Every structure is written in C-alpha cells, then in structure tokens.
Amino acid sequence: MNRTFFFSTLLVVFSSLFFGNCASPGFGPRGFLYTKTKIGIFGTGESSKRRATSCVHSVLGLVSFGDASLEFLKSRSKIQNVTETNWTTLSIFGIYANLCVEISGNE
C-alpha cells in the first residue's frame, strides 16, 4: 500500500511539472520545454531616442513578482511619448517564466 501511494504521488508530481505548464508567460505561442518570443504590440514608425524594459516573473506558477506597467516604465525612463511597445516572453520547462515589456519613445 505504501509503495502504491508513493508511485501515485510521484506520477502526480511529474505530470504537474511536465504537462501542467505551471509557470507560463500567458501570451503568445508556448513551447512544451522552452519558449522565447517577441510580440510587437504597438508602433507608430517614428524614430525614438529612449528605450526601457521591465519584467514580471513567475516561479512554478506559485510566486509572481515584478512591475512591467507602462506608467512604471515611463517614469523610470522619462519617456513622455511612446512610439513602440513590445512584449518578450520566456518560459523554461514550466518552472520559470517571464514577460517583459519594452517601450521606445521620446521625452
């Protein structure tokens, strides 16, 4: 009975890790083992002098942290007029994932 419980528990843990995709960037296509994408969200085609990036992170889908809001990026970089916005995502084995927001613009 203990042996059956052990193998059942082991099966549930491995299934969750490999099939549950615990940590996910949430946007764009997802690879089973590895994901790295860049998605263009907004662009005016105008040239820009400044660029800023900020990320949010997730570990096992249990803990998430970071600030990638547009207001945070604008205040940190002193960008007033945003000319381009991109999202980049990274996910590794469903253990770690991040979503980064990159903005370009001028004062």
PDB file of N, CA and C in Angstrom:
ATOM      1  N   MET A   1       0.819  -1.189   0.000  1.00  0.00           N
ATOM      2  CA  MET A   1       0.000   0.000   0.000  1.00  0.00           C
ATOM      3  C   MET A   1       0.865   1.255   0.000  1.00  0.00           C
ATOM      4  N   ASN A   2       1.935   1.304   0.758  1.00  0.00           N
ATOM      5  CA  ASN A   2       2.824   2.456   0.772  1.00  0.00           C
ATOM      6  C   ASN A   2       3.524   2.634  -0.568  1.00  0.00           C
ATOM      7  N   ARG A   3       3.850   1.532  -1.204  1.00  0.00           N
ATOM      8  CA  ARG A   3       4.512   1.593  -2.499  1.00  0.00           C
ATOM      9  C   ARG A   3       3.577   2.182  -3.563  1.00  0.00           C
ATOM     10  N   THR A   4       2.325   1.790  -3.543  1.00  0.00           N
ATOM     11  CA  THR A   4       1.338   2.321  -4.481  1.00  0.00           C
ATOM     12  C   THR A   4       1.132   3.814  -4.255  1.00  0.00           C
ATOM     13  N   PHE A   5       1.040   4.224  -3.007  1.00  0.00           N
ATOM     14  CA  PHE A   5       0.881   5.641  -2.689  1.00  0.00           C
ATOM     15  C   PHE A   5       2.088   6.444  -3.178  1.00  0.00           C
ATOM     16  N   PHE A   6       3.280   5.933  -2.975  1.00  0.00           N
ATOM     17  CA  PHE A   6       4.496   6.608  -3.403  1.00  0.00           C
ATOM     18  C   PHE A   6       4.520   6.807  -4.918  1.00  0.00           C
ATOM     19  N   PHE A   7       4.230   5.754  -5.676  1.00  0.00           N
ATOM     20  CA  PHE A   7       4.250   5.860  -7.130  1.00  0.00           C
ATOM     21  C   PHE A   7       3.121   6.749  -7.650  1.00  0.00           C
ATOM     22  N   SER A   8       1.982   6.729  -7.005  1.00  0.00           N
ATOM     23  CA  SER A   8       0.878   7.615  -7.397  1.00  0.00           C
ATOM     24  C   SER A   8       1.251   9.072  -7.168  1.00  0.00           C
ATOM     25  N   THR A   9       1.849   9.358  -6.037  1.00  0.00           N
ATOM     26  CA  THR A   9       2.284  10.714  -5.722  1.00  0.00           C
ATOM     27  C   THR A   9       3.359  11.170  -6.706  1.00  0.00           C
ATOM     28  N   LEU A  10       4.292  10.314  -7.000  1.00  0.00           N
ATOM     29  CA  LEU A  10       5.352  10.620  -7.954  1.00  0.00           C
ATOM     30  C   LEU A  10       4.781  10.910  -9.337  1.00  0.00           C
ATOM     31  N   LEU A  11       3.800  10.139  -9.750  1.00  0.00           N
ATOM     32  CA  LEU A  11       3.157  10.341 -11.047  1.00  0.00           C
ATOM     33  C   LEU A  11       2.437  11.691 -11.098  1.00  0.00           C
ATOM     34  N   VAL A  12       1.765  12.053 -10.045  1.00  0.00           N
ATOM     35  CA  VAL A  12       1.059  13.341  -9.996  1.00  0.00           C
ATOM     36  C   VAL A  12       2.051  14.498 -10.048  1.00  0.00           C
ATOM     37  N   VAL A  13       3.143  14.414  -9.319  1.00  0.00           N
ATOM     38  CA  VAL A  13       4.146  15.481  -9.302  1.00  0.00           C
ATOM     39  C   VAL A  13       4.765  15.654 -10.683  1.00  0.00           C
ATOM     40  N   PHE A  14       5.197  14.573 -11.302  1.00  0.00           N
ATOM     41  CA  PHE A  14       5.809  14.675 -12.627  1.00  0.00           C
ATOM     42  C   PHE A  14       4.801  15.118 -13.689  1.00  0.00           C
ATOM     43  N   SER A  15       3.574  14.671 -13.575  1.00  0.00           N
ATOM     44  CA  SER A  15       2.545  15.116 -14.523  1.00  0.00           C
ATOM     45  C   SER A  15       2.313  16.611 -14.395  1.00  0.00           C
ATOM     46  N   SER A  16       2.286  17.101 -13.181  1.00  0.00           N
ATOM     47  CA  SER A  16       2.091  18.539 -12.967  1.00  0.00           C
ATOM     48  C   SER A  16       3.235  19.350 -13.550  1.00  0.00           C
ATOM     49  N   LEU A  17       4.456  18.877 -13.351  1.00  0.00           N
ATOM     50  CA  LEU A  17       5.613  19.611 -13.860  1.00  0.00           C
ATOM     51  C   LEU A  17       5.688  19.602 -15.376  1.00  0.00           C
ATOM     52  N   PHE A  18       5.431  18.451 -15.977  1.00  0.00           N
ATOM     53  CA  PHE A  18       5.631  18.338 -17.411  1.00  0.00           C
ATOM     54  C   PHE A  18       4.401  18.645 -18.246  1.00  0.00           C
ATOM     55  N   PHE A  19       3.233  18.440 -17.715  1.00  0.00           N
ATOM     56  CA  PHE A  19       2.028  18.651 -18.504  1.00  0.00           C
ATOM     57  C   PHE A  19       1.195  19.839 -18.039  1.00  0.00           C
ATOM     58  N   GLY A  20       1.448  20.338 -16.857  1.00  0.00           N
ATOM     59  CA  GLY A  20       0.662  21.431 -16.314  1.00  0.00           C
ATOM     60  C   GLY A  20       1.134  22.807 -16.743  1.00  0.00           C
ATOM     61  N   ASN A  21       2.377  22.897 -17.204  1.00  0.00           N
ATOM     62  CA  ASN A  21       2.950  24.184 -17.602  1.00  0.00           C
ATOM     63  C   ASN A  21       2.703  25.209 -16.501  1.00  0.00           C
ATOM     64  N   CYS A  22       3.210  24.918 -15.331  1.00  0.00           N
ATOM     65  CA  CYS A  22       2.940  25.712 -14.134  1.00  0.00           C
ATOM     66  C   CYS A  22       3.267  27.188 -14.308  1.00  0.00           C
ATOM     67  N   ALA A  23       4.473  27.501 -14.733  1.00  0.00           N
ATOM     68  CA  ALA A  23       4.854  28.892 -14.957  1.00  0.00           C
ATOM     69  C   ALA A  23       4.733  29.172 -16.446  1.00  0.00           C
ATOM     70  N   SER A  24       3.943  30.148 -16.781  1.00  0.00           N
ATOM     71  CA  SER A  24       3.691  30.474 -18.186  1.00  0.00           C
ATOM     72  C   SER A  24       3.670  31.981 -18.358  1.00  0.00           C
ATOM     73  N   PRO A  25       4.238  32.492 -19.460  1.00  0.00           N
ATOM     74  CA  PRO A  25       4.183  33.931 -19.676  1.00  0.00           C
ATOM     75  C   PRO A  25       2.775  34.429 -19.950  1.00  0.00           C
ATOM     76  N   GLY A  26       1.882  33.551 -20.385  1.00  0.00           N
ATOM     77  CA  GLY A  26       0.491  33.922 -20.562  1.00  0.00           C
ATOM     78  C   GLY A  26       0.119  34.457 -21.929  1.00  0.00           C
ATOM     79  N   PHE A  27       1.078  34.862 -22.742  1.00  0.00           N
ATOM     80  CA  PHE A  27       0.795  35.427 -24.053  1.00  0.00           C
ATOM     81  C   PHE A  27       1.624  34.741 -25.115  1.00  0.00           C
ATOM     82  N   GLY A  28       1.078  34.707 -26.309  1.00  0.00           N
ATOM     83  CA  GLY A  28       1.817  34.181 -27.449  1.00  0.00           C
ATOM     84  C   GLY A  28       1.898  32.666 -27.455  1.00  0.00           C
ATOM     85  N   PRO A  29       2.599  32.124 -28.432  1.00  0.00           N
ATOM     86  CA  PRO A  29       2.735  30.669 -28.522  1.00  0.00           C
ATOM     87  C   PRO A  29       3.596  30.136 -27.381  1.00  0.00           C
ATOM     88  N   ARG A  30       3.338  28.907 -27.003  1.00  0.00           N
ATOM     89  CA  ARG A  30       4.075  28.292 -25.896  1.00  0.00           C
ATOM     90  C   ARG A  30       4.713  26.999 -26.365  1.00  0.00           C
ATOM     91  N   GLY A  31       5.966  26.852 -26.080  1.00  0.00           N
ATOM     92  CA  GLY A  31       6.654  25.598 -26.334  1.00  0.00           C
ATOM     93  C   GLY A  31       6.535  24.704 -25.119  1.00  0.00           C
ATOM     94  N   PHE A  32       6.562  23.418 -25.332  1.00  0.00           N
ATOM     95  CA  PHE A  32       6.419  22.470 -24.218  1.00  0.00           C
ATOM     96  C   PHE A  32       7.612  22.564 -23.265  1.00  0.00           C
ATOM     97  N   LEU A  33       8.829  22.642 -23.811  1.00  0.00           N
ATOM     98  CA  LEU A  33      10.014  22.689 -22.972  1.00  0.00           C
ATOM     99  C   LEU A  33      10.610  24.091 -22.848  1.00  0.00           C
ATOM    100  N   TYR A  34      10.533  24.870 -23.924  1.00  0.00           N
ATOM    101  CA  TYR A  34      11.204  26.170 -23.940  1.00  0.00           C
ATOM    102  C   TYR A  34      10.416  27.125 -24.830  1.00  0.00           C
ATOM    103  N   THR A  35      10.261  28.346 -24.374  1.00  0.00           N
ATOM    104  CA  THR A  35       9.587  29.381 -25.162  1.00  0.00           C
ATOM    105  C   THR A  35      10.386  30.668 -25.068  1.00  0.00           C
ATOM    106  N   LYS A  36      10.624  31.298 -26.199  1.00  0.00           N
ATOM    107  CA  LYS A  36      11.213  32.628 -26.225  1.00  0.00           C
ATOM    108  C   LYS A  36      10.612  33.339 -27.427  1.00  0.00           C
ATOM    109  N   THR A  37       9.784  34.368 -27.166  1.00  0.00           N
ATOM    110  CA  THR A  37       9.095  35.069 -28.241  1.00  0.00           C
ATOM    111  C   THR A  37       9.196  36.572 -28.043  1.00  0.00           C
ATOM    112  N   LYS A  38       8.997  37.285 -29.128  1.00  0.00           N
ATOM    113  CA  LYS A  38       8.886  38.749 -29.082  1.00  0.00           C
ATOM    114  C   LYS A  38       7.664  39.114 -29.895  1.00  0.00           C
ATOM    115  N   ILE A  39       6.757  39.873 -29.284  1.00  0.00           N
ATOM    116  CA  ILE A  39       5.489  40.208 -29.917  1.00  0.00           C
ATOM    117  C   ILE A  39       5.369  41.728 -29.967  1.00  0.00           C
ATOM    118  N   GLY A  40       5.205  42.259 -31.162  1.00  0.00           N
ATOM    119  CA  GLY A  40       5.009  43.695 -31.323  1.00  0.00           C
ATOM    120  C   GLY A  40       3.564  44.054 -31.010  1.00  0.00           C
ATOM    121  N   ILE A  41       3.359  44.968 -30.095  1.00  0.00           N
ATOM    122  CA  ILE A  41       2.020  45.332 -29.650  1.00  0.00           C
ATOM    123  C   ILE A  41       1.570  46.659 -30.259  1.00  0.00           C
ATOM    124  N   PHE A  42       2.495  47.617 -30.335  1.00  0.00           N
ATOM    125  CA  PHE A  42       2.138  48.954 -30.794  1.00  0.00           C
ATOM    126  C   PHE A  42       3.356  49.581 -31.441  1.00  0.00           C
ATOM    127  N   GLY A  43       3.159  50.313 -32.507  1.00  0.00           N
ATOM    128  CA  GLY A  43       4.249  51.032 -33.139  1.00  0.00           C
ATOM    129  C   GLY A  43       3.722  52.122 -34.049  1.00  0.00           C
ATOM    130  N   THR A  44       4.389  53.294 -33.999  1.00  0.00           N
ATOM    131  CA  THR A  44       3.989  54.405 -34.852  1.00  0.00           C
ATOM    132  C   THR A  44       4.902  54.546 -36.058  1.00  0.00           C
ATOM    133  N   GLY A  45       6.061  53.916 -36.033  1.00  0.00           N
ATOM    134  CA  GLY A  45       7.024  54.055 -37.111  1.00  0.00           C
ATOM    135  C   GLY A  45       7.943  55.246 -36.930  1.00  0.00           C
ATOM    136  N   GLU A  46       7.728  56.044 -35.904  1.00  0.00           N
ATOM    137  CA  GLU A  46       8.570  57.204 -35.628  1.00  0.00           C
ATOM    138  C   GLU A  46       9.873  56.747 -34.966  1.00  0.00           C
ATOM    139  N   SER A  47      10.923  57.519 -35.170  1.00  0.00           N
ATOM    140  CA  SER A  47      12.192  57.207 -34.516  1.00  0.00           C
ATOM    141  C   SER A  47      12.092  57.551 -33.031  1.00  0.00           C
ATOM    142  N   SER A  48      12.917  56.901 -32.232  1.00  0.00           N
ATOM    143  CA  SER A  48      12.889  57.145 -30.795  1.00  0.00           C
ATOM    144  C   SER A  48      14.308  57.266 -30.264  1.00  0.00           C
ATOM    145  N   LYS A  49      14.435  58.004 -29.176  1.00  0.00           N
ATOM    146  CA  LYS A  49      15.752  58.239 -28.576  1.00  0.00           C
ATOM    147  C   LYS A  49      15.960  57.431 -27.302  1.00  0.00           C
ATOM    148  N   ARG A  50      14.884  57.017 -26.684  1.00  0.00           N
ATOM    149  CA  ARG A  50      14.993  56.296 -25.408  1.00  0.00           C
ATOM    150  C   ARG A  50      14.302  54.939 -25.499  1.00  0.00           C
ATOM    151  N   ARG A  51      14.784  54.022 -24.664  1.00  0.00           N
ATOM    152  CA  ARG A  51      14.212  52.682 -24.608  1.00  0.00           C
ATOM    153  C   ARG A  51      14.250  52.213 -23.156  1.00  0.00           C
ATOM    154  N   ALA A  52      13.214  51.516 -22.726  1.00  0.00           N
ATOM    155  CA  ALA A  52      13.153  50.995 -21.356  1.00  0.00           C
ATOM    156  C   ALA A  52      12.485  49.628 -21.371  1.00  0.00           C
ATOM    157  N   THR A  53      12.953  48.765 -20.484  1.00  0.00           N
ATOM    158  CA  THR A  53      12.406  47.414 -20.363  1.00  0.00           C
ATOM    159  C   THR A  53      12.219  47.079 -18.894  1.00  0.00           C
ATOM    160  N   SER A  54      11.111  46.414 -18.599  1.00  0.00           N
ATOM    161  CA  SER A  54      10.855  45.912 -17.254  1.00  0.00           C
ATOM    162  C   SER A  54      10.130  44.579 -17.372  1.00  0.00           C
ATOM    163  N   CYS A  55      10.338  43.703 -16.386  1.00  0.00           N
ATOM    164  CA  CYS A  55       9.800  42.338 -16.476  1.00  0.00           C
ATOM    165  C   CYS A  55       9.021  41.932 -15.231  1.00  0.00           C
ATOM    166  N   VAL A  56       8.110  41.005 -15.430  1.00  0.00           N
ATOM    167  CA  VAL A  56       7.450  40.299 -14.335  1.00  0.00           C
ATOM    168  C   VAL A  56       7.853  38.835 -14.452  1.00  0.00           C
ATOM    169  N   HIS A  57       7.966  38.162 -13.318  1.00  0.00           N
ATOM    170  CA  HIS A  57       8.496  36.802 -13.277  1.00  0.00           C
ATOM    171  C   HIS A  57       7.538  35.880 -12.543  1.00  0.00           C
ATOM    172  N   SER A  58       7.597  34.608 -12.898  1.00  0.00           N
ATOM    173  CA  SER A  58       6.787  33.588 -12.231  1.00  0.00           C
ATOM    174  C   SER A  58       7.641  32.344 -12.017  1.00  0.00           C
ATOM    175  N   VAL A  59       7.546  31.781 -10.816  1.00  0.00           N
ATOM    176  CA  VAL A  59       8.276  30.557 -10.490  1.00  0.00           C
ATOM    177  C   VAL A  59       7.262  29.486 -10.120  1.00  0.00           C
ATOM    178  N   LEU A  60       7.217  28.433 -10.925  1.00  0.00           N
ATOM    179  CA  LEU A  60       6.321  27.295 -10.741  1.00  0.00           C
ATOM    180  C   LEU A  60       4.847  27.686 -10.708  1.00  0.00           C
ATOM    181  N   GLY A  61       4.536  28.872 -11.138  1.00  0.00           N
ATOM    182  CA  GLY A  61       3.158  29.342 -11.084  1.00  0.00           C
ATOM    183  C   GLY A  61       2.699  29.585  -9.656  1.00  0.00           C
ATOM    184  N   LEU A  62       3.638  29.535  -8.706  1.00  0.00           N
ATOM    185  CA  LEU A  62       3.304  29.727  -7.296  1.00  0.00           C
ATOM    186  C   LEU A  62       3.613  31.137  -6.817  1.00  0.00           C
ATOM    187  N   VAL A  63       4.702  31.715  -7.317  1.00  0.00           N
ATOM    188  CA  VAL A  63       5.150  33.035  -6.897  1.00  0.00           C
ATOM    189  C   VAL A  63       5.365  33.882  -8.142  1.00  0.00           C
ATOM    190  N   SER A  64       4.777  35.059  -8.153  1.00  0.00           N
ATOM    191  CA  SER A  64       4.966  36.009  -9.244  1.00  0.00           C
ATOM    192  C   SER A  64       5.352  37.348  -8.664  1.00  0.00           C
ATOM    193  N   PHE A  65       6.258  38.052  -9.355  1.00  0.00           N
ATOM    194  CA  PHE A  65       6.700  39.345  -8.847  1.00  0.00           C
ATOM    195  C   PHE A  65       7.219  40.210 -10.000  1.00  0.00           C
ATOM    196  N   GLY A  66       7.215  41.509  -9.784  1.00  0.00           N
ATOM    197  CA  GLY A  66       7.734  42.454 -10.760  1.00  0.00           C
ATOM    198  C   GLY A  66       6.702  43.503 -11.124  1.00  0.00           C
ATOM    199  N   ASP A  67       7.170  44.541 -11.796  1.00  0.00           N
ATOM    200  CA  ASP A  67       6.300  45.620 -12.263  1.00  0.00           C
ATOM    201  C   ASP A  67       6.702  45.948 -13.688  1.00  0.00           C
ATOM    202  N   ALA A  68       5.854  45.673 -14.628  1.00  0.00           N
ATOM    203  CA  ALA A  68       6.104  45.974 -16.034  1.00  0.00           C
ATOM    204  C   ALA A  68       5.005  46.862 -16.589  1.00  0.00           C
ATOM    205  N   SER A  69       4.459  47.709 -15.734  1.00  0.00           N
ATOM    206  CA  SER A  69       3.389  48.594 -16.184  1.00  0.00           C
ATOM    207  C   SER A  69       3.958  49.720 -17.036  1.00  0.00           C
ATOM    208  N   LEU A  70       3.128  50.237 -17.906  1.00  0.00           N
ATOM    209  CA  LEU A  70       3.530  51.323 -18.786  1.00  0.00           C
ATOM    210  C   LEU A  70       3.900  52.570 -17.974  1.00  0.00           C
ATOM    211  N   GLU A  71       3.141  52.864 -16.936  1.00  0.00           N
ATOM    212  CA  GLU A  71       3.433  54.036 -16.096  1.00  0.00           C
ATOM    213  C   GLU A  71       4.782  53.913 -15.401  1.00  0.00           C
ATOM    214  N   PHE A  72       5.105  52.710 -14.911  1.00  0.00           N
ATOM    215  CA  PHE A  72       6.406  52.487 -14.268  1.00  0.00           C
ATOM    216  C   PHE A  72       7.536  52.707 -15.261  1.00  0.00           C
ATOM    217  N   LEU A  73       7.395  52.156 -16.460  1.00  0.00           N
ATOM    218  CA  LEU A  73       8.427  52.309 -17.480  1.00  0.00           C
ATOM    219  C   LEU A  73       8.587  53.765 -17.912  1.00  0.00           C
ATOM    220  N   LYS A  74       7.480  54.455 -18.089  1.00  0.00           N
ATOM    221  CA  LYS A  74       7.545  55.862 -18.499  1.00  0.00           C
ATOM    222  C   LYS A  74       8.218  56.714 -17.428  1.00  0.00           C
ATOM    223  N   SER A  75       7.903  56.497 -16.174  1.00  0.00           N
ATOM    224  CA  SER A  75       8.501  57.301 -15.109  1.00  0.00           C
ATOM    225  C   SER A  75       9.976  56.975 -14.925  1.00  0.00           C
ATOM    226  N   ARG A  76      10.348  55.716 -15.069  1.00  0.00           N
ATOM    227  CA  ARG A  76      11.742  55.312 -14.892  1.00  0.00           C
ATOM    228  C   ARG A  76      12.642  55.829 -16.012  1.00  0.00           C
ATOM    229  N   SER A  77      12.111  55.915 -17.220  1.00  0.00           N
ATOM    230  CA  SER A  77      12.919  56.285 -18.372  1.00  0.00           C
ATOM    231  C   SER A  77      12.704  57.724 -18.835  1.00  0.00           C
ATOM    232  N   LYS A  78      11.752  58.405 -18.232  1.00  0.00           N
ATOM    233  CA  LYS A  78      11.389  59.779 -18.606  1.00  0.00           C
ATOM    234  C   LYS A  78      10.879  59.871 -20.039  1.00  0.00           C
ATOM    235  N   ILE A  79      10.250  58.803 -20.514  1.00  0.00           N
ATOM    236  CA  ILE A  79       9.622  58.801 -21.832  1.00  0.00           C
ATOM    237  C   ILE A  79       8.223  59.393 -21.678  1.00  0.00           C
ATOM    238  N   GLN A  80       7.899  60.397 -22.469  1.00  0.00           N
ATOM    239  CA  GLN A  80       6.574  61.003 -22.456  1.00  0.00           C
ATOM    240  C   GLN A  80       5.717  60.516 -23.624  1.00  0.00           C
ATOM    241  N   ASN A  81       6.352  60.360 -24.784  1.00  0.00           N
ATOM    242  CA  ASN A  81       5.646  59.967 -25.998  1.00  0.00           C
ATOM    243  C   ASN A  81       6.116  58.570 -26.421  1.00  0.00           C
ATOM    244  N   VAL A  82       5.304  57.559 -26.195  1.00  0.00           N
ATOM    245  CA  VAL A  82       5.662  56.176 -26.536  1.00  0.00           C
ATOM    246  C   VAL A  82       5.438  55.954 -28.028  1.00  0.00           C
ATOM    247  N   THR A  83       6.480  55.463 -28.721  1.00  0.00           N
ATOM    248  CA  THR A  83       6.380  55.219 -30.156  1.00  0.00           C
ATOM    249  C   THR A  83       6.342  53.737 -30.507  1.00  0.00           C
ATOM    250  N   GLU A  84       6.734  52.873 -29.560  1.00  0.00           N
ATOM    251  CA  GLU A  84       6.737  51.431 -29.829  1.00  0.00           C
ATOM    252  C   GLU A  84       6.626  50.669 -28.522  1.00  0.00           C
ATOM    253  N   THR A  85       5.865  49.570 -28.544  1.00  0.00           N
ATOM    254  CA  THR A  85       5.728  48.689 -27.391  1.00  0.00           C
ATOM    255  C   THR A  85       5.855  47.244 -27.862  1.00  0.00           C
ATOM    256  N   ASN A  86       6.714  46.483 -27.190  1.00  0.00           N
ATOM    257  CA  ASN A  86       6.902  45.057 -27.497  1.00  0.00           C
ATOM    258  C   ASN A  86       6.821  44.252 -26.214  1.00  0.00           C
ATOM    259  N   TRP A  87       6.354  43.027 -26.339  1.00  0.00           N
ATOM    260  CA  TRP A  87       6.386  42.063 -25.237  1.00  0.00           C
ATOM    261  C   TRP A  87       7.361  40.973 -25.617  1.00  0.00           C
ATOM    262  N   THR A  88       8.215  40.585 -24.692  1.00  0.00           N
ATOM    263  CA  THR A  88       9.054  39.409 -24.888  1.00  0.00           C
ATOM    264  C   THR A  88       8.703  38.422 -23.780  1.00  0.00           C
ATOM    265  N   THR A  89       8.653  37.154 -24.153  1.00  0.00           N
ATOM    266  CA  THR A  89       8.311  36.118 -23.181  1.00  0.00           C
ATOM    267  C   THR A  89       9.405  35.068 -23.135  1.00  0.00           C
ATOM    268  N   LEU A  90       9.555  34.455 -21.991  1.00  0.00           N
ATOM    269  CA  LEU A  90      10.499  33.365 -21.810  1.00  0.00           C
ATOM    270  C   LEU A  90       9.878  32.371 -20.841  1.00  0.00           C
ATOM    271  N   SER A  91       9.945  31.109 -21.185  1.00  0.00           N
ATOM    272  CA  SER A  91       9.465  30.049 -20.293  1.00  0.00           C
ATOM    273  C   SER A  91      10.399  28.858 -20.429  1.00  0.00           C
ATOM    274  N   ILE A  92      10.806  28.300 -19.299  1.00  0.00           N
ATOM    275  CA  ILE A  92      11.712  27.152 -19.297  1.00  0.00           C
ATOM    276  C   ILE A  92      11.081  26.036 -18.483  1.00  0.00           C
ATOM    277  N   PHE A  93      10.718  24.950 -19.156  1.00  0.00           N
ATOM    278  CA  PHE A  93      10.171  23.728 -18.546  1.00  0.00           C
ATOM    279  C   PHE A  93       8.953  23.963 -17.660  1.00  0.00           C
ATOM    280  N   GLY A  94       8.297  25.090 -17.768  1.00  0.00           N
ATOM    281  CA  GLY A  94       7.162  25.378 -16.902  1.00  0.00           C
ATOM    282  C   GLY A  94       7.572  25.662 -15.472  1.00  0.00           C
ATOM    283  N   ILE A  95       8.893  25.803 -15.252  1.00  0.00           N
ATOM    284  CA  ILE A  95       9.410  26.088 -13.914  1.00  0.00           C
ATOM    285  C   ILE A  95       9.555  27.590 -13.716  1.00  0.00           C
ATOM    286  N   TYR A  96      10.109  28.254 -14.721  1.00  0.00           N
ATOM    287  CA  TYR A  96      10.326  29.698 -14.664  1.00  0.00           C
ATOM    288  C   TYR A  96       9.749  30.340 -15.919  1.00  0.00           C
ATOM    289  N   ALA A  97       9.119  31.494 -15.745  1.00  0.00           N
ATOM    290  CA  ALA A  97       8.604  32.238 -16.893  1.00  0.00           C
ATOM    291  C   ALA A  97       8.699  33.728 -16.603  1.00  0.00           C
ATOM    292  N   ASN A  98       8.851  34.503 -17.681  1.00  0.00           N
ATOM    293  CA  ASN A  98       8.775  35.947 -17.506  1.00  0.00           C
ATOM    294  C   ASN A  98       8.112  36.578 -18.710  1.00  0.00           C
ATOM    295  N   LEU A  99       7.595  37.751 -18.495  1.00  0.00           N
ATOM    296  CA  LEU A  99       7.015  38.585 -19.538  1.00  0.00           C
ATOM    297  C   LEU A  99       7.633  39.957 -19.360  1.00  0.00           C
ATOM    298  N   CYS A 100       8.334  40.431 -20.395  1.00  0.00           N
ATOM    299  CA  CYS A 100       8.981  41.743 -20.334  1.00  0.00           C
ATOM    300  C   CYS A 100       8.262  42.695 -21.284  1.00  0.00           C
ATOM    301  N   VAL A 101       8.092  43.915 -20.835  1.00  0.00           N
ATOM    302  CA  VAL A 101       7.516  44.971 -21.645  1.00  0.00           C
ATOM    303  C   VAL A 101       8.651  45.923 -21.999  1.00  0.00           C
ATOM    304  N   GLU A 102       8.803  46.171 -23.292  1.00  0.00           N
ATOM    305  CA  GLU A 102       9.837  47.083 -23.775  1.00  0.00           C
ATOM    306  C   GLU A 102       9.159  48.240 -24.503  1.00  0.00           C
ATOM    307  N   ILE A 103       9.471  49.460 -24.079  1.00  0.00           N
ATOM    308  CA  ILE A 103       8.900  50.622 -24.756  1.00  0.00           C
ATOM    309  C   ILE A 103      10.021  51.479 -25.331  1.00  0.00           C
ATOM    310  N   SER A 104       9.716  52.152 -26.411  1.00  0.00           N
ATOM    311  CA  SER A 104      10.620  53.134 -27.010  1.00  0.00           C
ATOM    312  C   SER A 104       9.838  54.419 -27.160  1.00  0.00           C
ATOM    313  N   GLY A 105      10.561  55.533 -27.092  1.00  0.00           N
ATOM    314  CA  GLY A 105       9.877  56.803 -27.230  1.00  0.00           C
ATOM    315  C   GLY A 105      10.802  57.980 -27.036  1.00  0.00           C
ATOM    316  N   ASN A 106      10.212  59.130 -26.870  1.00  0.00           N
ATOM    317  CA  ASN A 106      10.939  60.378 -26.723  1.00  0.00           C
ATOM    318  C   ASN A 106      10.431  61.138 -25.499  1.00  0.00           C
ATOM    319  N   GLU A 107      11.244  62.089 -25.064  1.00  0.00           N
ATOM    320  CA  GLU A 107      10.881  62.916 -23.910  1.00  0.00           C
ATOM    321  C   GLU A 107       9.710  63.827 -24.223  1.00  0.00           C
TER     322      GLU A 107
END
